Amino acid sequence: MHPAPSVIIFTTLSGLGFGLLTFLGLGMPGVTGWTAFAFFTIAYLLAVGGLAASTFHLGHPERAFKAFTQWRTSWLSREAWASAGALLVMAIYGFLLVFHDTRLAPLGWLGAALSLLTVFTTSMIYTQLRTVPRWNTPITPVKFLALSIAGGALLSGEVSIAIVAIAAAGLVVVASWIVGDTRFAEAGSDLSTATGLGRFGTVRAFEPPHTGTNYLLREFVYVVGRKHSAKLRLIALLLMVALPVIALALPFNHIFAAVAVLSHLVGVFVARWLFFAEAEHVVGLYYGKR
């Protein structure tokens, strides 16, 4: 799949933002007043900024509001409702914390649950696609949630939780790569099944469908080389997991904390780029790309 910048920014930033909102809803850190305002500002900038970035991938961004109308059948619509609910509940919860020094715990728990639900619905937009076998596996939502929780723990300053959560997220990401590398073959799709002509014998393409490129090739048949993929996976793990854990394990220092946050953010961006770039859409079978 073509790794569009808007979707990478959306899934990365919104995951971190809603992860931080989850921890704030659970009372971690236990801040009030203007300190709480700073944490909520960061969380909303990430969450809302990520959601706003997603609209740039739409053919008609001005029609984004219509996503709310299809909640019965669309995970995108469910994401819209879950995110709106989470942002509204956490806005009320944050307002009480900042301006009244009041922590209404049940409201925070509800906001935290809705924040995680938002991340889950985002992951299901991709998990549901049987046409992309690498995504069509239960480990996809686990990965989205693990990275969101790890990022939330890191941004909330919960160091001991963050070290464990980041390491666990790294293991989940590695597991998703291992599982994903075999998913296309396990799905059993080839040119014979794609055309439905397998019962007549071996099927091969007589000639390319056309001489030039088209939308399908640009969006769904992106190919990343194995060597590049291996290098980027290593870079993602080093930046997303290894460096942040080392920085957090050292005696607390604001510079080390900043390094941990920035390194993790860049690492997640790299991992998310791979999430899209390595995804193999079955339409590539018609073009001899799979």
C-alpha atoms as a PDB file:
ATOM      1  CA  MET A   1       0.000   0.000   0.000  1.00  0.00           C
ATOM      2  CA  HIS A   2       1.148   3.546  -0.703  1.00  0.00           C
ATOM      3  CA  PRO A   3       2.338   5.030   2.640  1.00  0.00           C
ATOM      4  CA  ALA A   4       0.492   8.345   2.407  1.00  0.00           C
ATOM      5  CA  PRO A   5       1.951  10.948   4.832  1.00  0.00           C
ATOM      6  CA  SER A   6      -1.513  12.078   5.990  1.00  0.00           C
ATOM      7  CA  VAL A   7      -2.499   8.590   7.152  1.00  0.00           C
ATOM      8  CA  ILE A   8       0.872   7.974   8.824  1.00  0.00           C
ATOM      9  CA  ILE A   9       0.588  11.286  10.708  1.00  0.00           C
ATOM     10  CA  PHE A  10      -3.026  10.498  11.608  1.00  0.00           C
ATOM     11  CA  THR A  11      -2.442   7.019  13.043  1.00  0.00           C
ATOM     12  CA  THR A  12       0.759   8.012  14.850  1.00  0.00           C
ATOM     13  CA  LEU A  13      -0.287  11.285  16.459  1.00  0.00           C
ATOM     14  CA  SER A  14      -3.853  10.286  17.297  1.00  0.00           C
ATOM     15  CA  GLY A  15      -2.615   7.073  18.905  1.00  0.00           C
ATOM     16  CA  LEU A  16      -0.212   9.023  21.123  1.00  0.00           C
ATOM     17  CA  GLY A  17      -2.817  11.668  21.920  1.00  0.00           C
ATOM     18  CA  PHE A  18      -5.540   9.240  22.924  1.00  0.00           C
ATOM     19  CA  GLY A  19      -2.960   7.194  24.822  1.00  0.00           C
ATOM     20  CA  LEU A  20      -2.094  10.256  26.918  1.00  0.00           C
ATOM     21  CA  LEU A  21      -5.804  10.996  27.422  1.00  0.00           C
ATOM     22  CA  THR A  22      -6.212   7.431  28.679  1.00  0.00           C
ATOM     23  CA  PHE A  23      -3.611   7.936  31.395  1.00  0.00           C
ATOM     24  CA  LEU A  24      -4.963  11.375  32.307  1.00  0.00           C
ATOM     25  CA  GLY A  25      -8.404   9.831  32.665  1.00  0.00           C
ATOM     26  CA  LEU A  26      -6.963   7.250  35.052  1.00  0.00           C
ATOM     27  CA  GLY A  27      -5.380   9.974  37.151  1.00  0.00           C
ATOM     28  CA  MET A  28      -1.823   9.515  35.905  1.00  0.00           C
ATOM     29  CA  PRO A  29      -0.213  11.880  36.558  1.00  0.00           C
ATOM     30  CA  GLY A  30      -2.330  13.230  39.394  1.00  0.00           C
ATOM     31  CA  VAL A  31      -2.126  16.865  38.324  1.00  0.00           C
ATOM     32  CA  THR A  32      -4.548  19.762  38.624  1.00  0.00           C
ATOM     33  CA  GLY A  33      -4.582  23.433  37.711  1.00  0.00           C
ATOM     34  CA  TRP A  34      -2.304  24.771  35.012  1.00  0.00           C
ATOM     35  CA  THR A  35      -0.077  21.707  35.099  1.00  0.00           C
ATOM     36  CA  ALA A  36      -3.093  19.640  34.107  1.00  0.00           C
ATOM     37  CA  PHE A  37      -3.855  22.244  31.426  1.00  0.00           C
ATOM     38  CA  ALA A  38      -0.405  21.659  29.892  1.00  0.00           C
ATOM     39  CA  PHE A  39      -0.900  17.888  29.778  1.00  0.00           C
ATOM     40  CA  PHE A  40      -4.388  18.177  28.277  1.00  0.00           C
ATOM     41  CA  THR A  41      -3.140  20.699  25.705  1.00  0.00           C
ATOM     42  CA  ILE A  42      -0.475  18.240  24.520  1.00  0.00           C
ATOM     43  CA  ALA A  43      -2.983  15.396  24.410  1.00  0.00           C
ATOM     44  CA  TYR A  44      -5.551  17.385  22.418  1.00  0.00           C
ATOM     45  CA  LEU A  45      -2.976  18.781  20.005  1.00  0.00           C
ATOM     46  CA  LEU A  46      -1.850  15.236  19.210  1.00  0.00           C
ATOM     47  CA  ALA A  47      -5.314  13.644  19.090  1.00  0.00           C
ATOM     48  CA  VAL A  48      -7.123  16.413  17.211  1.00  0.00           C
ATOM     49  CA  GLY A  49      -4.108  17.125  15.016  1.00  0.00           C
ATOM     50  CA  GLY A  50      -3.940  13.482  14.014  1.00  0.00           C
ATOM     51  CA  LEU A  51      -7.658  13.326  13.259  1.00  0.00           C
ATOM     52  CA  ALA A  52      -7.438  16.521  11.210  1.00  0.00           C
ATOM     53  CA  ALA A  53      -4.521  15.093   9.200  1.00  0.00           C
ATOM     54  CA  SER A  54      -6.658  12.099   8.217  1.00  0.00           C
ATOM     55  CA  THR A  55      -9.058  14.324   6.279  1.00  0.00           C
ATOM     56  CA  PHE A  56      -6.309  15.247   3.811  1.00  0.00           C
ATOM     57  CA  HIS A  57      -6.420  11.677   2.497  1.00  0.00           C
ATOM     58  CA  LEU A  58     -10.073  12.071   1.538  1.00  0.00           C
ATOM     59  CA  GLY A  59     -11.069  12.955  -1.980  1.00  0.00           C
ATOM     60  CA  HIS A  60     -13.499  15.533  -0.567  1.00  0.00           C
ATOM     61  CA  PRO A  61     -12.337  16.599   2.926  1.00  0.00           C
ATOM     62  CA  GLU A  62     -15.333  18.933   3.201  1.00  0.00           C
ATOM     63  CA  ARG A  63     -17.572  15.856   3.383  1.00  0.00           C
ATOM     64  CA  ALA A  64     -15.766  14.339   6.373  1.00  0.00           C
ATOM     65  CA  PHE A  65     -18.778  15.022   8.603  1.00  0.00           C
ATOM     66  CA  LYS A  66     -20.727  12.411   6.645  1.00  0.00           C
ATOM     67  CA  ALA A  67     -18.594   9.723   8.333  1.00  0.00           C
ATOM     68  CA  PHE A  68     -20.891  10.047  11.346  1.00  0.00           C
ATOM     69  CA  THR A  69     -23.859   8.697   9.369  1.00  0.00           C
ATOM     70  CA  GLN A  70     -22.600   5.166   8.663  1.00  0.00           C
ATOM     71  CA  TRP A  71     -21.907   3.847  12.176  1.00  0.00           C
ATOM     72  CA  ARG A  72     -23.908   0.650  11.625  1.00  0.00           C
ATOM     73  CA  THR A  73     -21.535  -0.681   8.955  1.00  0.00           C
ATOM     74  CA  SER A  74     -18.386   1.443   8.944  1.00  0.00           C
ATOM     75  CA  TRP A  75     -15.474   1.290  11.372  1.00  0.00           C
ATOM     76  CA  LEU A  76     -14.485   4.753  10.138  1.00  0.00           C
ATOM     77  CA  SER A  77     -17.850   6.065  11.304  1.00  0.00           C
ATOM     78  CA  ARG A  78     -17.509   4.262  14.644  1.00  0.00           C
ATOM     79  CA  GLU A  79     -14.100   5.861  15.036  1.00  0.00           C
ATOM     80  CA  ALA A  80     -15.660   9.277  14.430  1.00  0.00           C
ATOM     81  CA  TRP A  81     -18.258   8.736  17.149  1.00  0.00           C
ATOM     82  CA  ALA A  82     -15.786   7.209  19.617  1.00  0.00           C
ATOM     83  CA  SER A  83     -13.286  10.044  19.133  1.00  0.00           C
ATOM     84  CA  ALA A  84     -15.968  12.707  19.499  1.00  0.00           C
ATOM     85  CA  GLY A  85     -17.223  11.047  22.677  1.00  0.00           C
ATOM     86  CA  ALA A  86     -13.724  10.707  24.127  1.00  0.00           C
ATOM     87  CA  LEU A  87     -12.785  14.322  23.360  1.00  0.00           C
ATOM     88  CA  LEU A  88     -16.052  15.651  24.809  1.00  0.00           C
ATOM     89  CA  VAL A  89     -15.902  13.604  28.027  1.00  0.00           C
ATOM     90  CA  MET A  90     -12.222  14.377  28.577  1.00  0.00           C
ATOM     91  CA  ALA A  91     -12.861  18.083  27.923  1.00  0.00           C
ATOM     92  CA  ILE A  92     -15.367  18.150  30.784  1.00  0.00           C
ATOM     93  CA  TYR A  93     -13.055  16.083  32.989  1.00  0.00           C
ATOM     94  CA  GLY A  94     -10.105  18.353  32.167  1.00  0.00           C
ATOM     95  CA  PHE A  95     -12.137  21.525  32.752  1.00  0.00           C
ATOM     96  CA  LEU A  96     -12.964  20.375  36.287  1.00  0.00           C
ATOM     97  CA  LEU A  97      -9.326  19.499  36.941  1.00  0.00           C
ATOM     98  CA  VAL A  98      -7.894  22.746  35.596  1.00  0.00           C
ATOM     99  CA  PHE A  99     -10.370  25.322  36.862  1.00  0.00           C
ATOM    100  CA  HIS A 100     -11.933  23.664  39.924  1.00  0.00           C
ATOM    101  CA  ASP A 101      -9.181  21.310  41.162  1.00  0.00           C
ATOM    102  CA  THR A 102     -11.858  18.609  41.097  1.00  0.00           C
ATOM    103  CA  ARG A 103     -11.203  15.056  39.948  1.00  0.00           C
ATOM    104  CA  LEU A 104     -14.427  13.284  38.992  1.00  0.00           C
ATOM    105  CA  ALA A 105     -12.926   9.787  38.789  1.00  0.00           C
ATOM    106  CA  PRO A 106     -15.853   7.958  37.083  1.00  0.00           C
ATOM    107  CA  LEU A 107     -15.882  10.598  34.347  1.00  0.00           C
ATOM    108  CA  GLY A 108     -12.135  10.110  33.858  1.00  0.00           C
ATOM    109  CA  TRP A 109     -12.552   6.344  33.646  1.00  0.00           C
ATOM    110  CA  LEU A 110     -15.245   6.779  31.001  1.00  0.00           C
ATOM    111  CA  GLY A 111     -12.988   9.114  29.028  1.00  0.00           C
ATOM    112  CA  ALA A 112     -10.097   6.662  29.278  1.00  0.00           C
ATOM    113  CA  ALA A 113     -12.301   3.815  28.031  1.00  0.00           C
ATOM    114  CA  LEU A 114     -13.562   5.908  25.121  1.00  0.00           C
ATOM    115  CA  SER A 115      -9.984   6.924  24.265  1.00  0.00           C
ATOM    116  CA  LEU A 116      -8.891   3.289  24.030  1.00  0.00           C
ATOM    117  CA  LEU A 117     -12.072   2.492  22.085  1.00  0.00           C
ATOM    118  CA  THR A 118     -11.108   5.199  19.588  1.00  0.00           C
ATOM    119  CA  VAL A 119      -7.700   3.593  19.040  1.00  0.00           C
ATOM    120  CA  PHE A 120      -9.378   0.201  18.655  1.00  0.00           C
ATOM    121  CA  THR A 121     -11.842   1.486  16.052  1.00  0.00           C
ATOM    122  CA  THR A 122      -8.964   3.079  14.142  1.00  0.00           C
ATOM    123  CA  SER A 123      -7.162  -0.262  14.050  1.00  0.00           C
ATOM    124  CA  MET A 124     -10.291  -2.054  12.867  1.00  0.00           C
ATOM    125  CA  ILE A 125     -10.463   0.149   9.772  1.00  0.00           C
ATOM    126  CA  TYR A 126      -7.398  -1.811   8.618  1.00  0.00           C
ATOM    127  CA  THR A 127      -7.979  -5.140  10.375  1.00  0.00           C
ATOM    128  CA  GLN A 128     -11.297  -5.710   8.591  1.00  0.00           C
ATOM    129  CA  LEU A 129      -9.714  -5.621   5.109  1.00  0.00           C
ATOM    130  CA  ARG A 130      -9.511  -9.202   3.839  1.00  0.00           C
ATOM    131  CA  THR A 131      -7.967  -7.789   0.671  1.00  0.00           C
ATOM    132  CA  VAL A 132      -4.848  -6.918   2.711  1.00  0.00           C
ATOM    133  CA  PRO A 133      -3.920 -10.195   4.452  1.00  0.00           C
ATOM    134  CA  ARG A 134      -1.062  -8.626   6.456  1.00  0.00           C
ATOM    135  CA  TRP A 135      -3.570  -6.397   8.251  1.00  0.00           C
ATOM    136  CA  ASN A 136      -6.378  -8.944   8.457  1.00  0.00           C
ATOM    137  CA  THR A 137      -5.230 -10.528  11.722  1.00  0.00           C
ATOM    138  CA  PRO A 138      -6.074 -10.028  15.433  1.00  0.00           C
ATOM    139  CA  ILE A 139      -2.567  -8.780  16.155  1.00  0.00           C
ATOM    140  CA  THR A 140      -3.256  -5.518  14.279  1.00  0.00           C
ATOM    141  CA  PRO A 141      -5.565  -3.997  16.944  1.00  0.00           C
ATOM    142  CA  VAL A 142      -3.256  -5.343  19.667  1.00  0.00           C
ATOM    143  CA  LYS A 143      -0.368  -3.459  18.043  1.00  0.00           C
ATOM    144  CA  PHE A 144      -2.315  -0.203  17.781  1.00  0.00           C
ATOM    145  CA  LEU A 145      -3.409  -0.417  21.411  1.00  0.00           C
ATOM    146  CA  ALA A 146       0.046  -1.431  22.667  1.00  0.00           C
ATOM    147  CA  LEU A 147       1.727   1.517  20.945  1.00  0.00           C
ATOM    148  CA  SER A 148      -0.950   3.921  22.167  1.00  0.00           C
ATOM    149  CA  ILE A 149      -0.589   2.768  25.763  1.00  0.00           C
ATOM    150  CA  ALA A 150       3.214   2.877  25.557  1.00  0.00           C
ATOM    151  CA  GLY A 151       3.150   6.406  24.135  1.00  0.00           C
ATOM    152  CA  GLY A 152       0.593   7.517  26.699  1.00  0.00           C
ATOM    153  CA  ALA A 153       2.667   6.184  29.578  1.00  0.00           C
ATOM    154  CA  LEU A 154       5.755   7.935  28.210  1.00  0.00           C
ATOM    155  CA  LEU A 155       4.057  11.303  27.688  1.00  0.00           C
ATOM    156  CA  SER A 156       2.352  11.163  31.085  1.00  0.00           C
ATOM    157  CA  GLY A 157       5.700  10.718  32.818  1.00  0.00           C
ATOM    158  CA  GLU A 158       4.850   7.343  34.322  1.00  0.00           C
ATOM    159  CA  VAL A 159       8.413   6.074  33.920  1.00  0.00           C
ATOM    160  CA  SER A 160       8.129   2.594  35.434  1.00  0.00           C
ATOM    161  CA  ILE A 161       4.957   1.847  33.454  1.00  0.00           C
ATOM    162  CA  ALA A 162       6.438   3.357  30.309  1.00  0.00           C
ATOM    163  CA  ILE A 163       9.533   1.120  30.383  1.00  0.00           C
ATOM    164  CA  VAL A 164       7.389  -2.017  30.598  1.00  0.00           C
ATOM    165  CA  ALA A 165       4.783  -0.764  28.118  1.00  0.00           C
ATOM    166  CA  ILE A 166       7.370   0.289  25.514  1.00  0.00           C
ATOM    167  CA  ALA A 167       9.183  -3.049  25.769  1.00  0.00           C
ATOM    168  CA  ALA A 168       5.870  -4.918  25.477  1.00  0.00           C
ATOM    169  CA  ALA A 169       4.835  -2.805  22.478  1.00  0.00           C
ATOM    170  CA  GLY A 170       8.162  -3.635  20.820  1.00  0.00           C
ATOM    171  CA  LEU A 171       7.496  -7.352  21.246  1.00  0.00           C
ATOM    172  CA  VAL A 172       4.013  -6.949  19.780  1.00  0.00           C
ATOM    173  CA  VAL A 173       5.390  -5.053  16.780  1.00  0.00           C
ATOM    174  CA  VAL A 174       8.006  -7.762  16.144  1.00  0.00           C
ATOM    175  CA  ALA A 175       5.299 -10.427  16.448  1.00  0.00           C
ATOM    176  CA  SER A 176       3.151  -8.523  13.931  1.00  0.00           C
ATOM    177  CA  TRP A 177       6.044  -8.521  11.465  1.00  0.00           C
ATOM    178  CA  ILE A 178       6.584 -12.263  11.891  1.00  0.00           C
ATOM    179  CA  VAL A 179       2.889 -13.021  11.482  1.00  0.00           C
ATOM    180  CA  GLY A 180       2.448 -10.524   8.662  1.00  0.00           C
ATOM    181  CA  ASP A 181       5.298 -11.911   6.561  1.00  0.00           C
ATOM    182  CA  THR A 182       3.396 -15.173   6.010  1.00  0.00           C
ATOM    183  CA  ARG A 183      -0.162 -13.876   5.849  1.00  0.00           C
ATOM    184  CA  PHE A 184      -0.374 -13.316   2.077  1.00  0.00           C
ATOM    185  CA  ALA A 185       0.743 -16.875   1.328  1.00  0.00           C
ATOM    186  CA  GLU A 186      -1.565 -18.281   4.023  1.00  0.00           C
ATOM    187  CA  ALA A 187      -4.525 -16.419   2.546  1.00  0.00           C
ATOM    188  CA  GLY A 188      -4.148 -18.610  -0.543  1.00  0.00           C
ATOM    189  CA  SER A 189      -4.711 -15.866  -3.089  1.00  0.00           C
ATOM    190  CA  ASP A 190      -3.038 -16.089  -6.482  1.00  0.00           C
ATOM    191  CA  LEU A 191      -3.878 -15.242 -10.080  1.00  0.00           C
ATOM    192  CA  SER A 192      -6.001 -18.384 -10.331  1.00  0.00           C
ATOM    193  CA  THR A 193      -8.219 -17.511  -7.367  1.00  0.00           C
ATOM    194  CA  ALA A 194      -8.273 -13.822  -8.258  1.00  0.00           C
ATOM    195  CA  THR A 195      -9.685 -14.519 -11.718  1.00  0.00           C
ATOM    196  CA  GLY A 196     -11.724 -17.582 -10.791  1.00  0.00           C
ATOM    197  CA  LEU A 197     -10.149 -19.475 -13.690  1.00  0.00           C
ATOM    198  CA  GLY A 198      -8.038 -21.884 -11.648  1.00  0.00           C
ATOM    199  CA  ARG A 199     -10.361 -24.816 -12.350  1.00  0.00           C
ATOM    200  CA  PHE A 200      -9.358 -24.695 -16.016  1.00  0.00           C
ATOM    201  CA  GLY A 201      -5.625 -25.054 -15.340  1.00  0.00           C
ATOM    202  CA  THR A 202      -2.630 -22.852 -14.651  1.00  0.00           C
ATOM    203  CA  VAL A 203      -3.404 -19.166 -15.061  1.00  0.00           C
ATOM    204  CA  ARG A 204      -0.844 -16.604 -16.176  1.00  0.00           C
ATOM    205  CA  ALA A 205      -1.090 -13.055 -17.464  1.00  0.00           C
ATOM    206  CA  PHE A 206      -0.851 -12.870 -21.248  1.00  0.00           C
ATOM    207  CA  GLU A 207       0.251  -9.227 -21.117  1.00  0.00           C
ATOM    208  CA  PRO A 208      -0.001  -6.291 -18.686  1.00  0.00           C
ATOM    209  CA  PRO A 209      -3.516  -4.828 -18.285  1.00  0.00           C
ATOM    210  CA  HIS A 210      -2.230  -1.534 -19.707  1.00  0.00           C
ATOM    211  CA  THR A 211       1.008   0.172 -20.690  1.00  0.00           C
ATOM    212  CA  GLY A 212       1.033   2.992 -18.127  1.00  0.00           C
ATOM    213  CA  THR A 213       0.367   3.475 -14.436  1.00  0.00           C
ATOM    214  CA  ASN A 214      -3.025   4.039 -12.837  1.00  0.00           C
ATOM    215  CA  TYR A 215      -4.668   4.747  -9.487  1.00  0.00           C
ATOM    216  CA  LEU A 216      -4.604   1.094  -8.381  1.00  0.00           C
ATOM    217  CA  LEU A 217      -0.877   0.776  -9.010  1.00  0.00           C
ATOM    218  CA  ARG A 218      -0.121   4.051  -7.246  1.00  0.00           C
ATOM    219  CA  GLU A 219      -2.230   3.359  -4.156  1.00  0.00           C
ATOM    220  CA  PHE A 220      -2.338  -0.436  -3.712  1.00  0.00           C
ATOM    221  CA  VAL A 221       0.754  -1.926  -5.338  1.00  0.00           C
ATOM    222  CA  TYR A 222       3.552  -0.114  -3.534  1.00  0.00           C
ATOM    223  CA  VAL A 223       6.576  -2.411  -3.132  1.00  0.00           C
ATOM    224  CA  VAL A 224       9.391  -1.982  -0.612  1.00  0.00           C
ATOM    225  CA  GLY A 225      12.575  -4.033  -1.028  1.00  0.00           C
ATOM    226  CA  ARG A 226      13.381  -6.714   1.541  1.00  0.00           C
ATOM    227  CA  LYS A 227      16.763  -5.172   2.380  1.00  0.00           C
ATOM    228  CA  HIS A 228      15.221  -1.761   2.936  1.00  0.00           C
ATOM    229  CA  SER A 229      12.455  -3.308   4.983  1.00  0.00           C
ATOM    230  CA  ALA A 230      14.912  -5.120   7.258  1.00  0.00           C
ATOM    231  CA  LYS A 231      16.946  -1.939   7.822  1.00  0.00           C
ATOM    232  CA  LEU A 232      13.855   0.124   8.582  1.00  0.00           C
ATOM    233  CA  ARG A 233      12.592  -2.494  11.020  1.00  0.00           C
ATOM    234  CA  LEU A 234      15.865  -2.333  12.906  1.00  0.00           C
ATOM    235  CA  ILE A 235      15.794   1.473  12.911  1.00  0.00           C
ATOM    236  CA  ALA A 236      12.199   1.432  14.160  1.00  0.00           C
ATOM    237  CA  LEU A 237      13.051  -0.875  17.066  1.00  0.00           C
ATOM    238  CA  LEU A 238      16.148   1.087  18.046  1.00  0.00           C
ATOM    239  CA  LEU A 239      14.327   4.426  18.048  1.00  0.00           C
ATOM    240  CA  MET A 240      10.924   3.264  19.254  1.00  0.00           C
ATOM    241  CA  VAL A 241      12.049   0.834  21.981  1.00  0.00           C
ATOM    242  CA  ALA A 242      15.754   0.564  22.751  1.00  0.00           C
ATOM    243  CA  LEU A 243      16.764   4.231  23.032  1.00  0.00           C
ATOM    244  CA  PRO A 244      13.671   5.345  25.020  1.00  0.00           C
ATOM    245  CA  VAL A 245      14.012   2.453  27.488  1.00  0.00           C
ATOM    246  CA  ILE A 246      17.714   3.238  28.022  1.00  0.00           C
ATOM    247  CA  ALA A 247      16.973   6.946  28.469  1.00  0.00           C
ATOM    248  CA  LEU A 248      14.196   6.218  30.969  1.00  0.00           C
ATOM    249  CA  ALA A 249      16.341   3.742  32.912  1.00  0.00           C
ATOM    250  CA  LEU A 250      18.970   6.418  33.582  1.00  0.00           C
ATOM    251  CA  PRO A 251      18.625   8.819  36.545  1.00  0.00           C
ATOM    252  CA  PHE A 252      15.874  11.300  35.689  1.00  0.00           C
ATOM    253  CA  ASN A 253      16.948  14.215  33.590  1.00  0.00           C
ATOM    254  CA  HIS A 254      14.806  16.480  31.414  1.00  0.00           C
ATOM    255  CA  ILE A 255      17.192  16.009  28.507  1.00  0.00           C
ATOM    256  CA  PHE A 256      16.955  12.214  28.793  1.00  0.00           C
ATOM    257  CA  ALA A 257      13.159  12.500  28.999  1.00  0.00           C
ATOM    258  CA  ALA A 258      13.041  14.635  25.855  1.00  0.00           C
ATOM    259  CA  VAL A 259      15.311  12.169  24.042  1.00  0.00           C
ATOM    260  CA  ALA A 260      13.029   9.294  25.055  1.00  0.00           C
ATOM    261  CA  VAL A 261       9.901  11.071  23.785  1.00  0.00           C
ATOM    262  CA  LEU A 262      11.392  12.282  20.500  1.00  0.00           C
ATOM    263  CA  SER A 263      13.104   8.973  19.789  1.00  0.00           C
ATOM    264  CA  HIS A 264       9.910   7.007  20.453  1.00  0.00           C
ATOM    265  CA  LEU A 265       7.887   9.358  18.251  1.00  0.00           C
ATOM    266  CA  VAL A 266      10.275   9.023  15.307  1.00  0.00           C
ATOM    267  CA  GLY A 267      10.454   5.256  15.802  1.00  0.00           C
ATOM    268  CA  VAL A 268       6.663   4.956  15.717  1.00  0.00           C
ATOM    269  CA  PHE A 269       6.601   7.026  12.521  1.00  0.00           C
ATOM    270  CA  VAL A 270       9.060   4.589  10.916  1.00  0.00           C
ATOM    271  CA  ALA A 271       7.086   1.557  12.122  1.00  0.00           C
ATOM    272  CA  ARG A 272       3.852   3.090  10.856  1.00  0.00           C
ATOM    273  CA  TRP A 273       5.433   3.805   7.461  1.00  0.00           C
ATOM    274  CA  LEU A 274       6.349   0.125   7.264  1.00  0.00           C
ATOM    275  CA  PHE A 275       2.815  -0.827   8.336  1.00  0.00           C
ATOM    276  CA  PHE A 276       1.513   0.697   5.114  1.00  0.00           C
ATOM    277  CA  ALA A 277       4.481   0.127   2.793  1.00  0.00           C
ATOM    278  CA  GLU A 278       4.676  -3.611   3.532  1.00  0.00           C
ATOM    279  CA  ALA A 279       0.934  -4.197   3.167  1.00  0.00           C
ATOM    280  CA  GLU A 280       0.214  -6.307   0.088  1.00  0.00           C
ATOM    281  CA  HIS A 281      -3.173  -5.744  -1.558  1.00  0.00           C
ATOM    282  CA  VAL A 282      -4.517  -8.675  -3.571  1.00  0.00           C
ATOM    283  CA  VAL A 283      -5.225  -6.384  -6.537  1.00  0.00           C
ATOM    284  CA  GLY A 284      -1.487  -6.607  -7.205  1.00  0.00           C
ATOM    285  CA  LEU A 285      -2.066 -10.160  -8.470  1.00  0.00           C
ATOM    286  CA  TYR A 286      -3.596  -8.760 -11.672  1.00  0.00           C
ATOM    287  CA  TYR A 287      -0.384  -6.840 -12.339  1.00  0.00           C
ATOM    288  CA  GLY A 288       2.053  -9.601 -11.525  1.00  0.00           C
ATOM    289  CA  LYS A 289       3.295  -7.732  -8.439  1.00  0.00           C
ATOM    290  CA  ARG A 290       2.487 -10.363  -5.828  1.00  0.00           C
END
